[in-house]
Amino acid sequence: MTTQPLLHSLPLFPLGSVLFPGGFLPLRIFEVRYLDMIGKCHKHGAPFGVVGLTQGAEVRVAGAAAETFTEIGTLALIRELESPQSGLMQIECIGTQRFRVRASTLQKHGLWTAEVEAIADDVAVTIPEDLVHTATALRRLVDTLEARRSAEGADGLRLPVREPYSFDDCGWVANRWCELLPLQNSLKQRLMELDSPLMRLELVSDLLARGGFSD
């Protein structure tokens, strides 16, 4: 069994949301601790790590509880960056690979860095017949959103699901539903951490059935 390499001193961005591999993440950056970090990541084409907050707030406030975060997160790679004014960045990122935090350090200026171990990507698993309805419902939703975007023009609706689409893959379909469904972050985190993409999709199918989304 091979050991995954450690990525030393990966900058972390604790958020009150869960990023899945293949997921889309827009962010407005205005805190000093993140402006420099994002600028460097964008310049060098390097990722940063998104981890879910379990205590504390995304924006530091004097007297607030210390930040704590999940052990498993997802690398975010910056695809677009705009700086409409001094002290503000607007970025769009894509989730890539999951990782496990092995050690973390809070720097003097408030930025967390960590040594992390990469978690293997989901194995590609074709959707079994009894779960095809999850992909069908997702395709219908994406088609509807694309039609709305076309009607509104290029500057209209921003799709929460980005190409390339993989409607025949368990992990991809499960991840997109996890992002779209109104689930608690703690549940999204547990689903993201599952090693089996098939099990993740089976659980998503149950959630869709309960919510009446799978008809």
C-alpha atoms as a PDB file:
ATOM      1  CA  MET A   1       0.000   0.000   0.000  1.00  0.00           C
ATOM      2  CA  THR A   2       1.454   3.375  -1.037  1.00  0.00           C
ATOM      3  CA  THR A   3       1.445   6.423   1.196  1.00  0.00           C
ATOM      4  CA  GLN A   4      -0.036   9.643  -0.162  1.00  0.00           C
ATOM      5  CA  PRO A   5       2.440  12.577  -0.162  1.00  0.00           C
ATOM      6  CA  LEU A   6       2.192  15.348   2.385  1.00  0.00           C
ATOM      7  CA  LEU A   7       1.531  18.861   1.109  1.00  0.00           C
ATOM      8  CA  HIS A   8       3.498  21.020   3.515  1.00  0.00           C
ATOM      9  CA  SER A   9       2.279  24.423   4.712  1.00  0.00           C
ATOM     10  CA  LEU A  10      -0.973  24.357   2.753  1.00  0.00           C
ATOM     11  CA  PRO A  11      -2.944  27.521   3.574  1.00  0.00           C
ATOM     12  CA  LEU A  12      -6.402  26.804   4.942  1.00  0.00           C
ATOM     13  CA  PHE A  13      -9.658  28.710   4.520  1.00  0.00           C
ATOM     14  CA  PRO A  14     -12.178  27.610   7.187  1.00  0.00           C
ATOM     15  CA  LEU A  15     -15.705  28.172   5.873  1.00  0.00           C
ATOM     16  CA  GLY A  16     -19.247  27.648   7.082  1.00  0.00           C
ATOM     17  CA  SER A  17     -19.903  25.444   4.053  1.00  0.00           C
ATOM     18  CA  VAL A  18     -18.654  22.188   2.538  1.00  0.00           C
ATOM     19  CA  LEU A  19     -16.724  22.053  -0.733  1.00  0.00           C
ATOM     20  CA  PHE A  20     -16.972  18.840  -2.753  1.00  0.00           C
ATOM     21  CA  PRO A  21     -14.551  17.690  -5.463  1.00  0.00           C
ATOM     22  CA  GLY A  22     -15.810  19.162  -8.722  1.00  0.00           C
ATOM     23  CA  GLY A  23     -17.817  21.773  -6.851  1.00  0.00           C
ATOM     24  CA  PHE A  24     -18.018  25.497  -7.622  1.00  0.00           C
ATOM     25  CA  LEU A  25     -17.036  28.004  -4.929  1.00  0.00           C
ATOM     26  CA  PRO A  26     -17.392  31.800  -5.331  1.00  0.00           C
ATOM     27  CA  LEU A  27     -15.820  33.923  -2.579  1.00  0.00           C
ATOM     28  CA  ARG A  28     -15.469  37.605  -1.693  1.00  0.00           C
ATOM     29  CA  ILE A  29     -12.121  38.168  -0.012  1.00  0.00           C
ATOM     30  CA  PHE A  30     -11.553  41.258   2.145  1.00  0.00           C
ATOM     31  CA  GLU A  31      -9.730  40.097   5.279  1.00  0.00           C
ATOM     32  CA  VAL A  32      -6.024  40.942   5.245  1.00  0.00           C
ATOM     33  CA  ARG A  33      -5.059  37.398   6.259  1.00  0.00           C
ATOM     34  CA  TYR A  34      -6.700  36.008   3.120  1.00  0.00           C
ATOM     35  CA  LEU A  35      -5.963  38.764   0.569  1.00  0.00           C
ATOM     36  CA  ASP A  36      -2.243  38.001   0.586  1.00  0.00           C
ATOM     37  CA  MET A  37      -2.812  34.234   0.629  1.00  0.00           C
ATOM     38  CA  ILE A  38      -5.234  34.304  -2.309  1.00  0.00           C
ATOM     39  CA  GLY A  39      -2.970  36.623  -4.280  1.00  0.00           C
ATOM     40  CA  LYS A  40      -0.021  34.254  -3.878  1.00  0.00           C
ATOM     41  CA  CYS A  41      -2.091  31.157  -4.700  1.00  0.00           C
ATOM     42  CA  HIS A  42      -3.422  32.797  -7.867  1.00  0.00           C
ATOM     43  CA  LYS A  43       0.021  33.993  -8.959  1.00  0.00           C
ATOM     44  CA  HIS A  44       1.568  30.537  -8.607  1.00  0.00           C
ATOM     45  CA  GLY A  45      -1.472  28.482  -9.683  1.00  0.00           C
ATOM     46  CA  ALA A  46      -1.459  26.819  -6.274  1.00  0.00           C
ATOM     47  CA  PRO A  47      -4.518  25.549  -4.372  1.00  0.00           C
ATOM     48  CA  PHE A  48      -5.644  26.364  -0.864  1.00  0.00           C
ATOM     49  CA  GLY A  49      -7.537  24.083   1.467  1.00  0.00           C
ATOM     50  CA  VAL A  50     -11.196  24.566   2.351  1.00  0.00           C
ATOM     51  CA  VAL A  51     -12.229  23.067   5.683  1.00  0.00           C
ATOM     52  CA  GLY A  52     -15.595  23.286   7.431  1.00  0.00           C
ATOM     53  CA  LEU A  53     -15.868  25.431  10.546  1.00  0.00           C
ATOM     54  CA  THR A  54     -17.028  23.555  13.631  1.00  0.00           C
ATOM     55  CA  GLN A  55     -16.533  26.564  15.947  1.00  0.00           C
ATOM     56  CA  GLY A  56     -15.955  30.244  15.328  1.00  0.00           C
ATOM     57  CA  ALA A  57     -16.898  32.473  12.396  1.00  0.00           C
ATOM     58  CA  GLU A  58     -15.624  32.952   8.855  1.00  0.00           C
ATOM     59  CA  VAL A  59     -14.737  36.569   9.619  1.00  0.00           C
ATOM     60  CA  ARG A  60     -12.598  37.204  12.684  1.00  0.00           C
ATOM     61  CA  VAL A  61     -14.273  39.270  15.367  1.00  0.00           C
ATOM     62  CA  ALA A  62     -12.623  40.451  18.557  1.00  0.00           C
ATOM     63  CA  GLY A  63     -13.610  38.235  21.494  1.00  0.00           C
ATOM     64  CA  ALA A  64     -15.097  35.514  19.284  1.00  0.00           C
ATOM     65  CA  ALA A  65     -14.527  31.836  20.007  1.00  0.00           C
ATOM     66  CA  ALA A  66     -11.356  30.312  18.606  1.00  0.00           C
ATOM     67  CA  GLU A  67     -11.751  28.696  15.196  1.00  0.00           C
ATOM     68  CA  THR A  68     -11.900  24.929  15.000  1.00  0.00           C
ATOM     69  CA  PHE A  69     -12.505  23.013  11.807  1.00  0.00           C
ATOM     70  CA  THR A  70     -12.997  19.602  10.278  1.00  0.00           C
ATOM     71  CA  GLU A  71     -10.139  17.176   9.778  1.00  0.00           C
ATOM     72  CA  ILE A  72     -11.091  16.467   6.169  1.00  0.00           C
ATOM     73  CA  GLY A  73     -11.343  19.195   3.556  1.00  0.00           C
ATOM     74  CA  THR A  74     -11.038  19.807  -0.172  1.00  0.00           C
ATOM     75  CA  LEU A  75      -8.428  21.622  -2.229  1.00  0.00           C
ATOM     76  CA  ALA A  76      -9.738  24.713  -4.025  1.00  0.00           C
ATOM     77  CA  LEU A  77      -8.111  25.930  -7.234  1.00  0.00           C
ATOM     78  CA  ILE A  78      -8.731  29.507  -8.310  1.00  0.00           C
ATOM     79  CA  ARG A  79     -10.178  29.753 -11.820  1.00  0.00           C
ATOM     80  CA  GLU A  80     -11.092  33.454 -11.911  1.00  0.00           C
ATOM     81  CA  LEU A  81     -10.001  36.467  -9.851  1.00  0.00           C
ATOM     82  CA  GLU A  82     -11.172  40.047 -10.003  1.00  0.00           C
ATOM     83  CA  SER A  83     -10.205  42.970  -7.787  1.00  0.00           C
ATOM     84  CA  PRO A  84     -12.895  45.626  -8.276  1.00  0.00           C
ATOM     85  CA  GLN A  85     -11.364  47.862  -5.598  1.00  0.00           C
ATOM     86  CA  SER A  86      -8.451  47.983  -3.210  1.00  0.00           C
ATOM     87  CA  GLY A  87      -8.829  45.496  -0.373  1.00  0.00           C
ATOM     88  CA  LEU A  88     -11.414  43.357  -2.173  1.00  0.00           C
ATOM     89  CA  MET A  89     -11.072  40.259  -4.341  1.00  0.00           C
ATOM     90  CA  GLN A  90     -13.822  38.262  -5.984  1.00  0.00           C
ATOM     91  CA  ILE A  91     -12.769  34.753  -6.899  1.00  0.00           C
ATOM     92  CA  GLU A  92     -14.294  31.630  -8.390  1.00  0.00           C
ATOM     93  CA  CYS A  93     -12.772  28.287  -7.433  1.00  0.00           C
ATOM     94  CA  ILE A  94     -13.268  24.646  -8.282  1.00  0.00           C
ATOM     95  CA  GLY A  95     -12.941  21.855  -5.743  1.00  0.00           C
ATOM     96  CA  THR A  96     -10.332  19.247  -6.645  1.00  0.00           C
ATOM     97  CA  GLN A  97      -8.947  16.654  -4.227  1.00  0.00           C
ATOM     98  CA  ARG A  98      -9.937  15.805  -0.671  1.00  0.00           C
ATOM     99  CA  PHE A  99      -7.309  15.845   2.048  1.00  0.00           C
ATOM    100  CA  ARG A 100      -6.846  15.003   5.721  1.00  0.00           C
ATOM    101  CA  VAL A 101      -5.248  17.508   8.086  1.00  0.00           C
ATOM    102  CA  ARG A 102      -2.333  15.918   9.949  1.00  0.00           C
ATOM    103  CA  ALA A 103      -1.091  19.040  11.745  1.00  0.00           C
ATOM    104  CA  SER A 104      -2.236  22.657  11.719  1.00  0.00           C
ATOM    105  CA  THR A 105      -0.664  25.928  12.860  1.00  0.00           C
ATOM    106  CA  LEU A 106      -2.235  29.317  13.489  1.00  0.00           C
ATOM    107  CA  GLN A 107       0.119  31.985  12.170  1.00  0.00           C
ATOM    108  CA  LYS A 108       0.590  35.338  13.928  1.00  0.00           C
ATOM    109  CA  HIS A 109      -1.503  37.202  11.358  1.00  0.00           C
ATOM    110  CA  GLY A 110      -4.429  34.788  11.794  1.00  0.00           C
ATOM    111  CA  LEU A 111      -3.922  32.481   8.806  1.00  0.00           C
ATOM    112  CA  TRP A 112      -4.103  28.730   9.370  1.00  0.00           C
ATOM    113  CA  THR A 113      -1.594  26.504   7.599  1.00  0.00           C
ATOM    114  CA  ALA A 114      -1.420  22.736   7.703  1.00  0.00           C
ATOM    115  CA  GLU A 115       0.371  19.605   6.654  1.00  0.00           C
ATOM    116  CA  VAL A 116      -2.187  17.465   4.895  1.00  0.00           C
ATOM    117  CA  GLU A 117      -2.390  13.993   3.449  1.00  0.00           C
ATOM    118  CA  ALA A 118      -4.133  13.624   0.097  1.00  0.00           C
ATOM    119  CA  ILE A 119      -7.172  11.334  -0.016  1.00  0.00           C
ATOM    120  CA  ALA A 120      -7.543   9.253  -3.158  1.00  0.00           C
ATOM    121  CA  ASP A 121     -10.096  10.476  -5.691  1.00  0.00           C
ATOM    122  CA  ASP A 122     -13.395   8.636  -5.940  1.00  0.00           C
ATOM    123  CA  VAL A 123     -13.200   5.531  -8.071  1.00  0.00           C
ATOM    124  CA  ALA A 124     -15.323   5.953 -11.201  1.00  0.00           C
ATOM    125  CA  VAL A 125     -18.490   3.876 -10.667  1.00  0.00           C
ATOM    126  CA  THR A 126     -21.238   3.674 -13.265  1.00  0.00           C
ATOM    127  CA  ILE A 127     -24.657   4.431 -11.803  1.00  0.00           C
ATOM    128  CA  PRO A 128     -26.654   1.215 -11.276  1.00  0.00           C
ATOM    129  CA  GLU A 129     -30.117   0.951 -12.758  1.00  0.00           C
ATOM    130  CA  ASP A 130     -31.927   1.395  -9.445  1.00  0.00           C
ATOM    131  CA  LEU A 131     -30.232   4.791  -8.946  1.00  0.00           C
ATOM    132  CA  VAL A 132     -30.504   6.157 -12.494  1.00  0.00           C
ATOM    133  CA  HIS A 133     -33.433   8.319 -11.366  1.00  0.00           C
ATOM    134  CA  THR A 134     -30.988  10.486  -9.361  1.00  0.00           C
ATOM    135  CA  ALA A 135     -29.032  11.324 -12.518  1.00  0.00           C
ATOM    136  CA  THR A 136     -32.224  11.846 -14.530  1.00  0.00           C
ATOM    137  CA  ALA A 137     -33.571  14.338 -11.995  1.00  0.00           C
ATOM    138  CA  LEU A 138     -30.243  16.175 -11.881  1.00  0.00           C
ATOM    139  CA  ARG A 139     -30.083  16.370 -15.680  1.00  0.00           C
ATOM    140  CA  ARG A 140     -33.614  17.831 -15.773  1.00  0.00           C
ATOM    141  CA  LEU A 141     -32.628  20.439 -13.195  1.00  0.00           C
ATOM    142  CA  VAL A 142     -29.471  21.408 -15.080  1.00  0.00           C
ATOM    143  CA  ASP A 143     -31.410  21.610 -18.378  1.00  0.00           C
ATOM    144  CA  THR A 144     -33.951  23.913 -16.718  1.00  0.00           C
ATOM    145  CA  LEU A 145     -31.226  26.170 -15.307  1.00  0.00           C
ATOM    146  CA  GLU A 146     -29.395  26.285 -18.633  1.00  0.00           C
ATOM    147  CA  ALA A 147     -32.626  27.284 -20.386  1.00  0.00           C
ATOM    148  CA  ARG A 148     -33.169  30.081 -17.866  1.00  0.00           C
ATOM    149  CA  ARG A 149     -29.590  31.282 -18.330  1.00  0.00           C
ATOM    150  CA  SER A 150     -29.999  31.333 -22.117  1.00  0.00           C
ATOM    151  CA  ALA A 151     -33.187  33.359 -21.751  1.00  0.00           C
ATOM    152  CA  GLU A 152     -31.477  35.870 -19.452  1.00  0.00           C
ATOM    153  CA  GLY A 153     -28.360  36.268 -21.611  1.00  0.00           C
ATOM    154  CA  ALA A 154     -24.663  35.890 -20.881  1.00  0.00           C
ATOM    155  CA  ASP A 155     -24.832  38.063 -17.774  1.00  0.00           C
ATOM    156  CA  GLY A 156     -27.789  36.212 -16.318  1.00  0.00           C
ATOM    157  CA  LEU A 157     -28.031  33.212 -14.054  1.00  0.00           C
ATOM    158  CA  ARG A 158     -24.782  31.618 -12.861  1.00  0.00           C
ATOM    159  CA  LEU A 159     -25.146  27.852 -12.826  1.00  0.00           C
ATOM    160  CA  PRO A 160     -24.286  26.115  -9.531  1.00  0.00           C
ATOM    161  CA  VAL A 161     -23.255  23.026 -11.539  1.00  0.00           C
ATOM    162  CA  ARG A 162     -20.354  23.416 -13.927  1.00  0.00           C
ATOM    163  CA  GLU A 163     -19.203  21.454 -16.957  1.00  0.00           C
ATOM    164  CA  PRO A 164     -17.866  18.922 -17.708  1.00  0.00           C
ATOM    165  CA  TYR A 165     -20.970  16.973 -16.704  1.00  0.00           C
ATOM    166  CA  SER A 166     -20.693  13.306 -15.685  1.00  0.00           C
ATOM    167  CA  PHE A 167     -24.281  12.149 -15.349  1.00  0.00           C
ATOM    168  CA  ASP A 168     -23.222   8.493 -15.525  1.00  0.00           C
ATOM    169  CA  ASP A 169     -20.813   8.657 -12.562  1.00  0.00           C
ATOM    170  CA  CYS A 170     -21.953   7.898  -8.998  1.00  0.00           C
ATOM    171  CA  GLY A 171     -19.551  10.260  -7.268  1.00  0.00           C
ATOM    172  CA  TRP A 172     -20.171  13.232  -9.548  1.00  0.00           C
ATOM    173  CA  VAL A 173     -23.966  12.969  -9.363  1.00  0.00           C
ATOM    174  CA  ALA A 174     -23.904  12.423  -5.599  1.00  0.00           C
ATOM    175  CA  ASN A 175     -21.610  15.402  -5.038  1.00  0.00           C
ATOM    176  CA  ARG A 176     -23.727  17.754  -7.112  1.00  0.00           C
ATOM    177  CA  TRP A 177     -26.909  16.785  -5.233  1.00  0.00           C
ATOM    178  CA  CYS A 178     -25.107  17.214  -1.905  1.00  0.00           C
ATOM    179  CA  GLU A 179     -24.309  20.784  -2.949  1.00  0.00           C
ATOM    180  CA  LEU A 180     -27.820  21.548  -4.204  1.00  0.00           C
ATOM    181  CA  LEU A 181     -29.954  20.001  -1.475  1.00  0.00           C
ATOM    182  CA  PRO A 182     -30.775  22.049   1.657  1.00  0.00           C
ATOM    183  CA  LEU A 183     -28.835  19.826   4.037  1.00  0.00           C
ATOM    184  CA  GLN A 184     -27.115  20.678   7.295  1.00  0.00           C
ATOM    185  CA  ASN A 185     -23.381  21.165   6.892  1.00  0.00           C
ATOM    186  CA  SER A 186     -22.678  18.348   9.345  1.00  0.00           C
ATOM    187  CA  LEU A 187     -24.535  15.919   7.048  1.00  0.00           C
ATOM    188  CA  LYS A 188     -22.858  17.294   3.930  1.00  0.00           C
ATOM    189  CA  GLN A 189     -19.504  16.820   5.621  1.00  0.00           C
ATOM    190  CA  ARG A 190     -20.243  13.185   6.487  1.00  0.00           C
ATOM    191  CA  LEU A 191     -21.342  12.511   2.908  1.00  0.00           C
ATOM    192  CA  MET A 192     -18.227  14.181   1.501  1.00  0.00           C
ATOM    193  CA  GLU A 193     -16.007  12.056   3.736  1.00  0.00           C
ATOM    194  CA  LEU A 194     -17.466   8.728   2.580  1.00  0.00           C
ATOM    195  CA  ASP A 195     -14.954   6.608   0.696  1.00  0.00           C
ATOM    196  CA  SER A 196     -17.623   4.874  -1.392  1.00  0.00           C
ATOM    197  CA  PRO A 197     -19.236   7.031  -4.106  1.00  0.00           C
ATOM    198  CA  LEU A 198     -21.924   4.372  -4.543  1.00  0.00           C
ATOM    199  CA  MET A 199     -22.869   4.554  -0.858  1.00  0.00           C
ATOM    200  CA  ARG A 200     -22.916   8.347  -1.089  1.00  0.00           C
ATOM    201  CA  LEU A 201     -25.339   8.190  -4.012  1.00  0.00           C
ATOM    202  CA  GLU A 202     -27.536   5.624  -2.245  1.00  0.00           C
ATOM    203  CA  LEU A 203     -27.865   7.986   0.717  1.00  0.00           C
ATOM    204  CA  VAL A 204     -28.568  10.908  -1.626  1.00  0.00           C
ATOM    205  CA  SER A 205     -31.289   8.834  -3.284  1.00  0.00           C
ATOM    206  CA  ASP A 206     -32.939   8.342   0.122  1.00  0.00           C
ATOM    207  CA  LEU A 207     -32.744  12.100   0.786  1.00  0.00           C
ATOM    208  CA  LEU A 208     -34.271  12.875  -2.610  1.00  0.00           C
ATOM    209  CA  ALA A 209     -37.111  10.455  -1.968  1.00  0.00           C
ATOM    210  CA  ARG A 210     -37.865  12.033   1.429  1.00  0.00           C
ATOM    211  CA  GLY A 211     -37.884  15.487  -0.122  1.00  0.00           C
ATOM    212  CA  GLY A 212     -40.003  14.470  -3.095  1.00  0.00           C
ATOM    213  CA  PHE A 213     -37.293  15.394  -5.609  1.00  0.00           C
ATOM    214  CA  SER A 214     -36.940  12.031  -7.312  1.00  0.00           C
ATOM    215  CA  ASP A 215     -40.280  11.791  -9.113  1.00  0.00           C
END
